[in-house]
Protein backbone atom coordinates (compact mmCIF):
# COMPACT_ATOMS: atom_id res chain seq x y z
CA GLN A 1 119.51 111.65 96.80
CA VAL A 2 116.11 110.76 98.23
CA ARG A 3 115.98 107.47 100.08
CA LEU A 4 113.33 105.68 102.10
CA VAL A 5 114.57 102.45 103.64
CA GLU A 6 112.11 100.10 105.31
CA SER A 7 113.09 97.41 107.78
CA GLY A 8 111.53 95.16 110.40
CA GLY A 9 109.60 92.78 108.20
CA GLY A 10 109.76 89.03 108.54
CA LEU A 11 107.87 85.86 109.34
CA VAL A 12 105.54 85.93 112.33
CA GLN A 13 102.84 83.63 113.65
CA PRO A 14 99.18 84.70 113.71
CA GLY A 15 98.54 86.85 116.75
CA GLY A 16 102.12 88.05 116.83
CA SER A 17 103.60 91.52 116.48
CA LEU A 18 106.11 93.32 114.32
CA ARG A 19 107.37 96.89 114.19
CA LEU A 20 108.32 98.30 110.83
CA SER A 21 110.66 101.26 110.49
CA CYS A 22 111.29 103.57 107.56
CA VAL A 23 114.31 105.85 107.63
CA ALA A 24 114.26 108.83 105.29
CA SER A 25 117.07 110.90 103.84
CA GLY A 26 117.62 113.41 101.06
CA PHE A 27 114.60 115.59 101.76
CA THR A 28 113.09 117.62 104.61
CA PHE A 29 111.35 114.81 106.44
CA GLY A 30 109.45 117.04 108.86
CA ARG A 31 107.58 118.76 106.02
CA PHE A 32 106.14 115.56 104.60
CA ALA A 33 103.18 113.49 105.67
CA MET A 34 104.07 109.81 105.78
CA GLN A 35 102.06 106.75 104.87
CA TRP A 36 102.38 103.00 104.98
CA HIS A 37 100.94 101.02 102.09
CA ARG A 38 100.91 97.31 101.44
CA GLN A 39 100.50 95.02 98.48
CA ALA A 40 99.52 91.39 98.79
CA PRO A 41 100.09 88.89 95.95
CA GLY A 42 97.50 89.37 93.23
CA LYS A 43 96.03 92.44 94.87
CA GLU A 44 96.35 96.18 94.38
CA ARG A 45 98.44 98.30 96.66
CA GLU A 46 96.38 99.73 99.52
CA LEU A 47 96.83 102.47 102.07
CA VAL A 48 97.27 101.07 105.57
CA ALA A 49 98.00 104.12 107.71
CA GLY A 50 98.99 107.76 107.43
CA ILE A 51 100.40 110.41 109.72
CA SER A 52 100.67 114.17 109.26
CA SER A 53 103.99 115.99 109.14
CA THR A 54 103.83 116.91 112.82
CA GLY A 55 102.30 113.64 113.95
CA SER A 56 99.15 115.31 115.20
CA ASN A 57 96.81 113.53 112.80
CA ARG A 58 96.64 109.84 111.98
CA LYS A 59 94.38 107.69 109.87
CA TYR A 60 93.99 103.96 109.38
CA ALA A 61 92.37 101.52 107.01
CA ASP A 62 89.36 99.87 108.62
CA SER A 63 91.05 96.49 108.34
CA VAL A 64 93.87 97.51 110.71
CA LYS A 65 92.15 99.90 113.13
CA GLY A 66 92.82 98.93 116.72
CA ARG A 67 95.71 96.64 115.71
CA PHE A 68 98.23 98.90 113.96
CA THR A 69 99.74 102.17 115.16
CA ILE A 70 101.66 104.63 113.03
CA SER A 71 104.12 107.03 114.64
CA ARG A 72 107.07 109.16 113.67
CA ASP A 73 110.19 110.68 115.16
CA ASN A 74 111.17 113.78 113.23
CA THR A 75 114.48 113.98 115.10
CA LYS A 76 115.40 110.61 113.60
CA ASN A 77 113.73 111.05 110.19
CA THR A 78 111.88 107.83 110.89
CA VAL A 79 108.30 106.60 110.65
CA TYR A 80 107.13 103.44 112.37
CA LEU A 81 104.29 100.98 112.02
CA GLN A 82 103.57 98.90 115.10
CA MET A 83 101.54 95.88 114.05
CA ASN A 84 99.84 93.77 116.70
CA SER A 85 97.42 90.84 116.52
CA LEU A 86 98.68 90.01 113.06
CA GLU A 87 96.51 87.91 110.79
CA ALA A 88 97.26 85.87 107.69
CA GLU A 89 95.48 88.56 105.68
CA ASP A 90 98.16 91.04 106.72
CA THR A 91 100.73 89.17 104.63
CA ALA A 92 102.08 91.62 102.05
CA VAL A 93 104.99 93.78 101.05
CA TYR A 94 104.83 96.96 103.11
CA TYR A 95 105.98 100.25 101.65
CA CYS A 96 106.47 103.64 103.22
CA MET A 97 105.70 106.77 101.28
CA ALA A 98 106.46 110.44 101.86
CA ILE A 99 103.94 112.89 100.46
CA MET A 100 103.69 116.66 100.25
CA LEU A 101 101.27 118.19 97.74
CA ASP A 102 102.07 116.53 94.41
CA VAL A 103 105.47 115.22 95.46
CA ASN A 104 105.82 111.69 96.72
CA TYR A 105 108.65 109.29 97.38
CA TRP A 106 108.48 105.52 97.88
CA GLY A 107 110.64 103.01 99.66
CA GLN A 108 111.58 99.62 98.25
CA GLY A 109 109.32 97.66 100.60
CA THR A 110 109.72 95.03 103.29
CA GLN A 111 108.02 91.64 103.29
CA VAL A 112 105.69 90.69 106.12
CA THR A 113 104.51 87.10 106.23
CA VAL A 114 102.00 85.92 108.82
CA SER A 115 101.86 82.15 108.95
CA SER A 116 101.94 79.28 111.40
């Protein structure tokens, strides 16, 4: 059974940091590229960051460049999103996704709220 389980969300003040984790099981993690997406209330889901299967290539949305870092540990079947200098606009549910060709799997999401 394929599972992607996100954790690490919560309430943080503006300027603070959080690290999200997504643990995968039920598929060959090291063959899949991984992405983090987010969806804020009333908005469409958007791609935040992506990382290739080996970790050699990464990409970021312009809105998070320089603040967020995506990484992965294929020995632990885990992808991370380090989020620094958080802003109120970063408030959203964050989802991890595994993708390989036309196959993709989604996690259930973790809430991140940035507020004073």
